[in-house]
PDB file of N, CA and C in Angstrom:
ATOM      1  N   UNK A   1      57.346  20.597 -10.304  1.00  0.00           N
ATOM      2  CA  UNK A   1      56.553  21.574  -9.567  1.00  0.00           C
ATOM      3  C   UNK A   1      57.311  22.069  -8.339  1.00  0.00           C
ATOM      4  N   UNK A   2      58.070  21.183  -7.680  1.00  0.00           N
ATOM      5  CA  UNK A   2      58.842  21.610  -6.518  1.00  0.00           C
ATOM      6  C   UNK A   2      59.900  22.629  -6.892  1.00  0.00           C
ATOM      7  N   UNK A   3      60.484  22.472  -8.078  1.00  0.00           N
ATOM      8  CA  UNK A   3      61.492  23.425  -8.541  1.00  0.00           C
ATOM      9  C   UNK A   3      60.862  24.798  -8.758  1.00  0.00           C
ATOM     10  N   UNK A   4      59.707  24.820  -9.360  1.00  0.00           N
ATOM     11  CA  UNK A   4      59.012  26.083  -9.595  1.00  0.00           C
ATOM     12  C   UNK A   4      58.610  26.740  -8.274  1.00  0.00           C
ATOM     13  N   UNK A   5      58.136  25.955  -7.341  1.00  0.00           N
ATOM     14  CA  UNK A   5      57.762  26.473  -6.030  1.00  0.00           C
ATOM     15  C   UNK A   5      58.988  27.033  -5.306  1.00  0.00           C
ATOM     16  N   UNK A   6      60.103  26.320  -5.372  1.00  0.00           N
ATOM     17  CA  UNK A   6      61.338  26.790  -4.755  1.00  0.00           C
ATOM     18  C   UNK A   6      61.842  28.071  -5.391  1.00  0.00           C
ATOM     19  N   UNK A   7      61.702  28.173  -6.708  1.00  0.00           N
ATOM     20  CA  UNK A   7      62.096  29.387  -7.419  1.00  0.00           C
ATOM     21  C   UNK A   7      61.252  30.575  -6.960  1.00  0.00           C
ATOM     22  N   UNK A   8      59.966  30.368  -6.827  1.00  0.00           N
ATOM     23  CA  UNK A   8      59.074  31.432  -6.356  1.00  0.00           C
ATOM     24  C   UNK A   8      59.385  31.838  -4.923  1.00  0.00           C
ATOM     25  N   UNK A   9      59.672  30.872  -4.070  1.00  0.00           N
ATOM     26  CA  UNK A   9      60.015  31.184  -2.675  1.00  0.00           C
ATOM     27  C   UNK A   9      61.313  31.967  -2.588  1.00  0.00           C
ATOM     28  N   UNK A  10      62.283  31.597  -3.436  1.00  0.00           N
ATOM     29  CA  UNK A  10      63.546  32.332  -3.452  1.00  0.00           C
ATOM     30  C   UNK A  10      63.304  33.796  -3.790  1.00  0.00           C
ATOM     31  N   UNK A  11      62.556  34.055  -4.851  1.00  0.00           N
ATOM     32  CA  UNK A  11      62.337  35.441  -5.267  1.00  0.00           C
ATOM     33  C   UNK A  11      61.511  36.208  -4.252  1.00  0.00           C
ATOM     34  N   UNK A  12      60.540  35.573  -3.634  1.00  0.00           N
ATOM     35  CA  UNK A  12      59.766  36.237  -2.590  1.00  0.00           C
ATOM     36  C   UNK A  12      60.676  36.618  -1.427  1.00  0.00           C
ATOM     37  N   UNK A  13      61.515  35.687  -0.996  1.00  0.00           N
ATOM     38  CA  UNK A  13      62.429  35.965   0.111  1.00  0.00           C
ATOM     39  C   UNK A  13      63.457  37.019  -0.283  1.00  0.00           C
ATOM     40  N   UNK A  14      63.914  36.995  -1.515  1.00  0.00           N
ATOM     41  CA  UNK A  14      64.900  37.956  -1.985  1.00  0.00           C
ATOM     42  C   UNK A  14      64.312  39.361  -2.066  1.00  0.00           C
ATOM     43  N   UNK A  15      63.113  39.498  -2.582  1.00  0.00           N
ATOM     44  CA  UNK A  15      62.498  40.816  -2.766  1.00  0.00           C
ATOM     45  C   UNK A  15      61.875  41.308  -1.470  1.00  0.00           C
ATOM     46  N   UNK A  16      61.108  40.493  -0.807  1.00  0.00           N
ATOM     47  CA  UNK A  16      60.386  40.920   0.387  1.00  0.00           C
ATOM     48  C   UNK A  16      61.276  40.831   1.621  1.00  0.00           C
ATOM     49  N   UNK A  17      62.003  39.765   1.759  1.00  0.00           N
ATOM     50  CA  UNK A  17      62.897  39.612   2.901  1.00  0.00           C
ATOM     51  C   UNK A  17      62.140  39.493   4.207  1.00  0.00           C
ATOM     52  N   UNK A  18      62.607  40.204   5.223  1.00  0.00           N
ATOM     53  CA  UNK A  18      62.023  40.104   6.556  1.00  0.00           C
ATOM     54  C   UNK A  18      60.846  41.044   6.782  1.00  0.00           C
ATOM     55  N   UNK A  19      60.766  42.103   6.004  1.00  0.00           N
ATOM     56  CA  UNK A  19      59.748  43.114   6.269  1.00  0.00           C
ATOM     57  C   UNK A  19      59.042  43.494   4.973  1.00  0.00           C
ATOM     58  N   UNK A  20      57.805  43.081   4.838  1.00  0.00           N
ATOM     59  CA  UNK A  20      57.059  43.366   3.624  1.00  0.00           C
ATOM     60  C   UNK A  20      56.762  44.853   3.485  1.00  0.00           C
ATOM     61  N   UNK A  21      56.750  45.568   4.615  1.00  0.00           N
ATOM     62  CA  UNK A  21      56.461  47.004   4.553  1.00  0.00           C
ATOM     63  C   UNK A  21      57.570  47.774   3.856  1.00  0.00           C
ATOM     64  N   UNK A  22      58.799  47.358   4.083  1.00  0.00           N
ATOM     65  CA  UNK A  22      59.928  48.015   3.410  1.00  0.00           C
ATOM     66  C   UNK A  22      59.864  47.743   1.910  1.00  0.00           C
ATOM     67  N   UNK A  23      59.577  46.502   1.532  1.00  0.00           N
ATOM     68  CA  UNK A  23      59.467  46.163   0.112  1.00  0.00           C
ATOM     69  C   UNK A  23      58.348  46.964  -0.554  1.00  0.00           C
ATOM     70  N   UNK A  24      57.224  47.076   0.116  1.00  0.00           N
ATOM     71  CA  UNK A  24      56.115  47.858  -0.426  1.00  0.00           C
ATOM     72  C   UNK A  24      56.487  49.332  -0.532  1.00  0.00           C
ATOM     73  N   UNK A  25      57.174  49.857   0.472  1.00  0.00           N
ATOM     74  CA  UNK A  25      57.602  51.251   0.439  1.00  0.00           C
ATOM     75  C   UNK A  25      58.547  51.540  -0.708  1.00  0.00           C
ATOM     76  N   UNK A  26      59.460  50.610  -0.992  1.00  0.00           N
ATOM     77  CA  UNK A  26      60.383  50.795  -2.118  1.00  0.00           C
ATOM     78  C   UNK A  26      59.623  50.784  -3.438  1.00  0.00           C
ATOM     79  N   UNK A  27      58.681  49.867  -3.570  1.00  0.00           N
ATOM     80  CA  UNK A  27      57.880  49.817  -4.798  1.00  0.00           C
ATOM     81  C   UNK A  27      57.086  51.108  -4.964  1.00  0.00           C
ATOM     82  N   UNK A  28      56.494  51.613  -3.900  1.00  0.00           N
ATOM     83  CA  UNK A  28      55.741  52.867  -3.983  1.00  0.00           C
ATOM     84  C   UNK A  28      56.648  54.051  -4.309  1.00  0.00           C
ATOM     85  N   UNK A  29      57.841  54.074  -3.730  1.00  0.00           N
ATOM     86  CA  UNK A  29      58.786  55.152  -4.020  1.00  0.00           C
ATOM     87  C   UNK A  29      59.212  55.124  -5.485  1.00  0.00           C
ATOM     88  N   UNK A  30      59.462  53.929  -6.013  1.00  0.00           N
ATOM     89  CA  UNK A  30      59.826  53.833  -7.420  1.00  0.00           C
ATOM     90  C   UNK A  30      58.677  54.244  -8.333  1.00  0.00           C
ATOM     91  N   UNK A  31      57.458  53.865  -7.968  1.00  0.00           N
ATOM     92  CA  UNK A  31      56.291  54.264  -8.760  1.00  0.00           C
ATOM     93  C   UNK A  31      56.093  55.777  -8.709  1.00  0.00           C
ATOM     94  N   UNK A  32      56.288  56.369  -7.535  1.00  0.00           N
ATOM     95  CA  UNK A  32      56.152  57.821  -7.412  1.00  0.00           C
ATOM     96  C   UNK A  32      57.237  58.535  -8.213  1.00  0.00           C
ATOM     97  N   UNK A  33      58.449  57.994  -8.194  1.00  0.00           N
ATOM     98  CA  UNK A  33      59.531  58.575  -8.980  1.00  0.00           C
ATOM     99  C   UNK A  33      59.206  58.517 -10.464  1.00  0.00           C
ATOM    100  N   UNK A  34      58.714  57.389 -10.909  1.00  0.00           N
ATOM    101  CA  UNK A  34      58.319  57.250 -12.305  1.00  0.00           C
ATOM    102  C   UNK A  34      57.235  58.266 -12.669  1.00  0.00           C
ATOM    103  N   UNK A  35      56.240  58.395 -11.814  1.00  0.00           N
ATOM    104  CA  UNK A  35      55.169  59.352 -12.088  1.00  0.00           C
ATOM    105  C   UNK A  35      55.667  60.783 -12.151  1.00  0.00           C
ATOM    106  N   UNK A  36      56.561  61.143 -11.248  1.00  0.00           N
ATOM    107  CA  UNK A  36      57.107  62.505 -11.260  1.00  0.00           C
ATOM    108  C   UNK A  36      57.955  62.761 -12.500  1.00  0.00           C
ATOM    109  N   UNK A  37      58.738  61.776 -12.907  1.00  0.00           N
ATOM    110  CA  UNK A  37      59.561  61.934 -14.116  1.00  0.00           C
ATOM    111  C   UNK A  37      58.666  62.048 -15.343  1.00  0.00           C
ATOM    112  N   UNK A  38      57.613  61.272 -15.403  1.00  0.00           N
ATOM    113  CA  UNK A  38      56.687  61.357 -16.531  1.00  0.00           C
ATOM    114  C   UNK A  38      55.981  62.718 -16.580  1.00  0.00           C
ATOM    115  N   UNK A  39      55.835  63.344 -15.413  1.00  0.00           N
ATOM    116  CA  UNK A  39      55.212  64.666 -15.360  1.00  0.00           C
ATOM    117  C   UNK A  39      56.218  65.768 -15.687  1.00  0.00           C
ATOM    118  N   UNK A  40      57.460  65.381 -15.929  1.00  0.00           N
ATOM    119  CA  UNK A  40      58.467  66.356 -16.313  1.00  0.00           C
ATOM    120  C   UNK A  40      59.269  66.930 -15.161  1.00  0.00           C
ATOM    121  N   UNK A  41      59.137  66.347 -13.980  1.00  0.00           N
ATOM    122  CA  UNK A  41      59.873  66.838 -12.814  1.00  0.00           C
ATOM    123  C   UNK A  41      61.142  66.025 -12.596  1.00  0.00           C
ATOM    124  N   UNK A  42      62.117  66.644 -11.978  1.00  0.00           N
ATOM    125  CA  UNK A  42      63.368  65.978 -11.655  1.00  0.00           C
ATOM    126  C   UNK A  42      63.193  65.274 -10.309  1.00  0.00           C
ATOM    127  N   UNK A  43      63.159  63.950 -10.291  1.00  0.00           N
ATOM    128  CA  UNK A  43      62.840  63.211  -9.067  1.00  0.00           C
ATOM    129  C   UNK A  43      63.932  62.225  -8.684  1.00  0.00           C
ATOM    130  N   UNK A  44      65.175  62.495  -9.047  1.00  0.00           N
ATOM    131  CA  UNK A  44      66.274  61.584  -8.719  1.00  0.00           C
ATOM    132  C   UNK A  44      66.451  61.437  -7.210  1.00  0.00           C
ATOM    133  N   UNK A  45      66.041  62.407  -6.445  1.00  0.00           N
ATOM    134  CA  UNK A  45      66.253  62.465  -5.000  1.00  0.00           C
ATOM    135  C   UNK A  45      65.259  61.597  -4.224  1.00  0.00           C
ATOM    136  N   UNK A  46      64.160  61.246  -4.829  1.00  0.00           N
ATOM    137  CA  UNK A  46      63.113  60.543  -4.082  1.00  0.00           C
ATOM    138  C   UNK A  46      63.504  59.135  -3.613  1.00  0.00           C
ATOM    139  N   UNK A  47      64.076  58.266  -4.444  1.00  0.00           N
ATOM    140  CA  UNK A  47      64.423  56.926  -3.937  1.00  0.00           C
ATOM    141  C   UNK A  47      65.398  56.926  -2.757  1.00  0.00           C
ATOM    142  N   UNK A  48      66.498  57.705  -2.775  1.00  0.00           N
ATOM    143  CA  UNK A  48      67.377  57.680  -1.596  1.00  0.00           C
ATOM    144  C   UNK A  48      66.691  58.192  -0.327  1.00  0.00           C
ATOM    145  N   UNK A  49      65.875  59.214  -0.456  1.00  0.00           N
ATOM    146  CA  UNK A  49      65.155  59.736   0.711  1.00  0.00           C
ATOM    147  C   UNK A  49      64.171  58.698   1.233  1.00  0.00           C
ATOM    148  N   UNK A  50      63.473  58.035   0.326  1.00  0.00           N
ATOM    149  CA  UNK A  50      62.502  57.010   0.732  1.00  0.00           C
ATOM    150  C   UNK A  50      63.198  55.837   1.417  1.00  0.00           C
ATOM    151  N   UNK A  51      64.338  55.413   0.886  1.00  0.00           N
ATOM    152  CA  UNK A  51      65.054  54.288   1.496  1.00  0.00           C
ATOM    153  C   UNK A  51      65.546  54.669   2.888  1.00  0.00           C
ATOM    154  N   UNK A  52      66.055  55.885   3.052  1.00  0.00           N
ATOM    155  CA  UNK A  52      66.506  56.326   4.377  1.00  0.00           C
ATOM    156  C   UNK A  52      65.344  56.368   5.366  1.00  0.00           C
ATOM    157  N   UNK A  53      64.204  56.872   4.925  1.00  0.00           N
ATOM    158  CA  UNK A  53      63.033  56.934   5.804  1.00  0.00           C
ATOM    159  C   UNK A  53      62.527  55.533   6.149  1.00  0.00           C
ATOM    160  N   UNK A  54      62.500  54.644   5.157  1.00  0.00           N
ATOM    161  CA  UNK A  54      62.045  53.277   5.407  1.00  0.00           C
ATOM    162  C   UNK A  54      62.985  52.547   6.349  1.00  0.00           C
ATOM    163  N   UNK A  55      64.282  52.790   6.216  1.00  0.00           N
ATOM    164  CA  UNK A  55      65.247  52.184   7.133  1.00  0.00           C
ATOM    165  C   UNK A  55      65.016  52.662   8.556  1.00  0.00           C
ATOM    166  N   UNK A  56      64.803  53.966   8.718  1.00  0.00           N
ATOM    167  CA  UNK A  56      64.563  54.513  10.056  1.00  0.00           C
ATOM    168  C   UNK A  56      63.296  53.927  10.673  1.00  0.00           C
ATOM    169  N   UNK A  57      62.238  53.833   9.891  1.00  0.00           N
ATOM    170  CA  UNK A  57      60.988  53.269  10.406  1.00  0.00           C
ATOM    171  C   UNK A  57      61.138  51.790  10.760  1.00  0.00           C
ATOM    172  N   UNK A  58      61.857  51.055   9.929  1.00  0.00           N
ATOM    173  CA  UNK A  58      62.068  49.642  10.198  1.00  0.00           C
ATOM    174  C   UNK A  58      62.893  49.439  11.470  1.00  0.00           C
ATOM    175  N   UNK A  59      63.937  50.221  11.627  1.00  0.00           N
ATOM    176  CA  UNK A  59      64.751  50.126  12.843  1.00  0.00           C
ATOM    177  C   UNK A  59      63.946  50.502  14.078  1.00  0.00           C
ATOM    178  N   UNK A  60      63.100  51.510  13.955  1.00  0.00           N
ATOM    179  CA  UNK A  60      62.264  51.911  15.089  1.00  0.00           C
ATOM    180  C   UNK A  60      61.330  50.783  15.518  1.00  0.00           C
ATOM    181  N   UNK A  61      60.744  50.089  14.537  1.00  0.00           N
ATOM    182  CA  UNK A  61      59.866  48.964  14.859  1.00  0.00           C
ATOM    183  C   UNK A  61      60.632  47.852  15.560  1.00  0.00           C
ATOM    184  N   UNK A  62      61.830  47.559  15.086  1.00  0.00           N
ATOM    185  CA  UNK A  62      62.626  46.487  15.680  1.00  0.00           C
ATOM    186  C   UNK A  62      63.057  46.849  17.093  1.00  0.00           C
ATOM    187  N   UNK A  63      63.461  48.089  17.307  1.00  0.00           N
ATOM    188  CA  UNK A  63      63.894  48.516  18.637  1.00  0.00           C
ATOM    189  C   UNK A  63      62.718  48.474  19.610  1.00  0.00           C
ATOM    190  N   UNK A  64      61.569  48.934  19.182  1.00  0.00           N
ATOM    191  CA  UNK A  64      60.380  48.890  20.057  1.00  0.00           C
ATOM    192  C   UNK A  64      60.026  47.449  20.419  1.00  0.00           C
ATOM    193  N   UNK A  65      60.083  46.552  19.450  1.00  0.00           N
ATOM    194  CA  UNK A  65      59.770  45.149  19.713  1.00  0.00           C
ATOM    195  C   UNK A  65      60.790  44.539  20.652  1.00  0.00           C
ATOM    196  N   UNK A  66      62.053  44.903  20.509  1.00  0.00           N
ATOM    197  CA  UNK A  66      63.090  44.367  21.392  1.00  0.00           C
ATOM    198  C   UNK A  66      62.921  44.890  22.814  1.00  0.00           C
ATOM    199  N   UNK A  67      62.532  46.136  22.958  1.00  0.00           N
ATOM    200  CA  UNK A  67      62.329  46.702  24.297  1.00  0.00           C
ATOM    201  C   UNK A  67      61.126  46.067  24.987  1.00  0.00           C
ATOM    202  N   UNK A  68      60.101  45.746  24.231  1.00  0.00           N
ATOM    203  CA  UNK A  68      58.938  45.078  24.826  1.00  0.00           C
ATOM    204  C   UNK A  68      59.284  43.683  25.306  1.00  0.00           C
ATOM    205  N   UNK A  69      60.215  43.035  24.608  1.00  0.00           N
ATOM    206  CA  UNK A  69      60.596  41.671  24.955  1.00  0.00           C
ATOM    207  C   UNK A  69      61.471  41.570  26.190  1.00  0.00           C
ATOM    208  N   UNK A  70      62.025  42.680  26.655  1.00  0.00           N
ATOM    209  CA  UNK A  70      62.922  42.635  27.817  1.00  0.00           C
ATOM    210  C   UNK A  70      62.175  42.685  29.115  1.00  0.00           C
TER     211      UNK A  70
END
């Protein structure tokens, strides 16, 4: 059971990492891309744009938290 628990913790840490919001945003971006492709639209551009936006938002949160701590 400890091995199974450790395996689950590894995958949670690997996928979610430090910020669950970024992981959720990536999943939503991939789902939206899938939906757009199924509707017949060209959506190759959506994942890179979403990742760039999520990175900017994540950095903004970290910078704000660091400034509050000073």
